[in-house]
Amino acid sequence: MAKDITNRVELNMEERMKIYTLTISFPYDEDEEPWSRTIEVKETFTLKQLHNYVQKIIDFDNDHLYEFYIGRTPRNRAQIVPKRAKLNEIYPMTGYKLYYLFDFGDCWLFQIKKSRKKKTEDNQKKYPILIESKGENPEQYSGFEE
């Protein structure tokens, strides 16, 4: 009987969705206080959902075009990734990084790193979750008065 329950618990753990821990930062951050946001999202999170969540946590207006691309460096665009792509369709990637470019005029460029630590969904949490913040959010339109 106990073995049967153990088997069901192990099966249930395998069925739970993987959670990705992503750190979003500026690849050229030279400020005294580096800026980054670390979030947890479900593996099926799309890049469009990621875009919307990043806009929310950095308090931007979400009023410009954007794209995600994979490259070895920020200047090396090996491949543009469709907005409907899910994170579990992109990761793992070896030797490349994921970049998020928002506003082609002002060129807000973010690097997105996935932690190697493996986690499974906690049914008590509602994803996505902001789990760590470093530095103050940048001003989207610095130098402009409202």
Protein backbone atom coordinates (compact mmCIF):
# COMPACT_ATOMS: atom_id res chain seq x y z
CA MET A 1 0.00 0.00 0.00
CA ALA A 2 2.77 2.48 0.95
CA LYS A 3 4.68 1.58 -2.23
CA ASP A 4 1.55 2.31 -4.30
CA ILE A 5 1.21 5.79 -2.74
CA THR A 6 4.93 6.46 -3.31
CA ASN A 7 4.58 5.54 -6.99
CA ARG A 8 1.60 7.91 -7.38
CA VAL A 9 3.49 10.76 -5.69
CA GLU A 10 6.53 10.21 -7.95
CA LEU A 11 4.29 10.14 -11.02
CA ASN A 12 2.54 13.32 -9.89
CA MET A 13 5.94 15.06 -9.47
CA GLU A 14 6.89 14.11 -13.05
CA GLU A 15 3.61 15.48 -14.40
CA ARG A 16 4.09 18.89 -12.75
CA MET A 17 5.28 21.63 -15.03
CA LYS A 18 8.88 22.82 -14.94
CA ILE A 19 9.55 26.32 -13.71
CA TYR A 20 12.25 28.42 -15.32
CA THR A 21 14.16 31.00 -13.30
CA LEU A 22 15.15 33.85 -15.61
CA THR A 23 17.41 36.79 -14.86
CA ILE A 24 16.81 39.84 -17.02
CA SER A 25 19.63 42.40 -17.17
CA PHE A 26 21.36 44.91 -19.43
CA PRO A 27 24.27 43.28 -21.29
CA TYR A 28 26.25 46.57 -21.21
CA ASP A 29 25.36 47.61 -17.66
CA GLU A 30 28.15 49.89 -16.43
CA ASP A 31 26.20 51.68 -13.70
CA GLU A 32 27.50 51.75 -10.16
CA GLU A 33 24.44 49.77 -9.13
CA PRO A 34 23.74 47.01 -11.68
CA TRP A 35 20.12 46.48 -12.70
CA SER A 36 18.46 43.07 -12.93
CA ARG A 37 15.17 41.33 -12.29
CA THR A 38 14.86 37.63 -11.58
CA ILE A 39 11.55 35.94 -12.29
CA GLU A 40 10.02 32.48 -12.21
CA VAL A 41 7.77 31.43 -15.09
CA LYS A 42 6.22 28.22 -16.37
CA GLU A 43 8.12 26.43 -19.11
CA THR A 44 5.22 27.05 -21.51
CA PHE A 45 5.47 30.86 -21.13
CA THR A 46 5.59 32.43 -24.59
CA LEU A 47 7.94 35.22 -25.58
CA LYS A 48 4.94 37.50 -26.02
CA GLN A 49 3.93 36.78 -22.41
CA LEU A 50 7.53 37.38 -21.34
CA HIS A 51 7.53 40.73 -23.16
CA ASN A 52 4.32 41.79 -21.39
CA TYR A 53 5.63 40.73 -17.98
CA VAL A 54 8.96 42.51 -18.45
CA GLN A 55 7.08 45.67 -19.46
CA LYS A 56 5.03 45.39 -16.26
CA ILE A 57 7.94 44.83 -13.86
CA ILE A 58 10.05 47.67 -15.27
CA ASP A 59 7.06 50.00 -15.60
CA PHE A 60 7.45 50.80 -19.30
CA ASP A 61 4.52 51.95 -21.45
CA ASN A 62 4.57 48.96 -23.85
CA ASP A 63 4.14 51.31 -26.79
CA HIS A 64 6.86 50.19 -29.21
CA LEU A 65 7.83 47.23 -31.37
CA TYR A 66 10.05 44.51 -29.96
CA GLU A 67 11.82 41.30 -30.87
CA PHE A 68 13.63 38.41 -29.25
CA TYR A 69 16.74 36.97 -30.80
CA ILE A 70 19.44 34.43 -30.07
CA GLY A 71 23.10 35.29 -30.45
CA ARG A 72 26.55 34.67 -29.04
CA THR A 73 26.83 38.38 -28.18
CA PRO A 74 24.32 41.25 -28.21
CA ARG A 75 25.60 42.37 -31.61
CA ASN A 76 25.44 38.90 -33.16
CA ARG A 77 21.87 38.08 -34.18
CA ALA A 78 22.05 34.43 -35.10
CA GLN A 79 18.27 33.97 -35.21
CA ILE A 80 15.15 36.01 -34.51
CA VAL A 81 12.70 33.98 -32.41
CA PRO A 82 8.93 34.16 -33.07
CA LYS A 83 6.88 35.82 -30.32
CA ARG A 84 4.64 32.76 -30.08
CA ALA A 85 7.61 30.51 -29.23
CA LYS A 86 7.48 28.92 -25.78
CA LEU A 87 10.48 28.93 -23.47
CA ASN A 88 10.66 25.13 -23.48
CA GLU A 89 11.01 25.30 -27.29
CA ILE A 90 14.01 27.64 -26.98
CA TYR A 91 15.87 26.14 -24.03
CA PRO A 92 18.30 24.53 -23.65
CA MET A 93 20.62 26.46 -25.95
CA THR A 94 24.35 25.93 -25.86
CA GLY A 95 26.78 28.72 -26.65
CA TYR A 96 24.04 31.27 -27.30
CA LYS A 97 22.07 33.78 -25.26
CA LEU A 98 18.54 35.11 -25.51
CA TYR A 99 18.15 38.85 -26.04
CA TYR A 100 15.06 41.06 -25.89
CA LEU A 101 15.12 44.31 -27.86
CA PHE A 102 12.36 46.80 -27.08
CA ASP A 103 11.83 50.10 -28.94
CA PHE A 104 13.93 50.03 -32.09
CA GLY A 105 14.52 53.79 -31.79
CA ASP A 106 15.83 53.94 -28.21
CA CYS A 107 17.08 50.34 -28.36
CA TRP A 108 16.35 49.02 -24.88
CA LEU A 109 18.34 45.78 -24.99
CA PHE A 110 17.96 43.12 -22.30
CA GLN A 111 19.79 39.84 -21.85
CA ILE A 112 17.81 36.90 -20.49
CA LYS A 113 19.67 34.13 -18.68
CA LYS A 114 18.04 30.90 -17.57
CA SER A 115 19.23 29.32 -14.35
CA ARG A 116 20.42 25.73 -14.57
CA LYS A 117 18.67 24.89 -11.33
CA LYS A 118 15.64 22.69 -12.00
CA LYS A 119 12.35 23.44 -10.28
CA THR A 120 8.85 22.09 -10.58
CA GLU A 121 5.63 24.02 -10.28
CA ASP A 122 4.44 24.85 -6.79
CA ASN A 123 0.65 24.68 -6.89
CA GLN A 124 0.50 27.26 -4.07
CA LYS A 125 2.10 29.95 -6.28
CA LYS A 126 0.68 31.96 -9.16
CA TYR A 127 3.21 32.38 -11.98
CA PRO A 128 4.90 34.52 -13.20
CA ILE A 129 6.59 35.72 -10.02
CA LEU A 130 9.19 38.43 -9.50
CA ILE A 131 11.62 36.88 -7.00
CA GLU A 132 14.52 39.35 -6.95
CA SER A 133 15.14 42.98 -7.88
CA LYS A 134 18.48 44.77 -8.06
CA GLY A 135 18.76 48.46 -8.85
CA GLU A 136 16.12 51.01 -9.70
CA ASN A 137 14.02 50.70 -12.84
CA PRO A 138 15.29 52.78 -15.74
CA GLU A 139 13.20 55.68 -17.01
CA GLN A 140 11.75 54.80 -20.39
CA TYR A 141 11.69 58.43 -21.50
CA SER A 142 14.43 60.11 -19.50
CA GLY A 143 14.73 63.82 -20.18
CA PHE A 144 11.05 64.23 -21.07
CA GLU A 145 8.57 65.89 -18.77
CA GLU A 146 4.94 64.83 -18.70
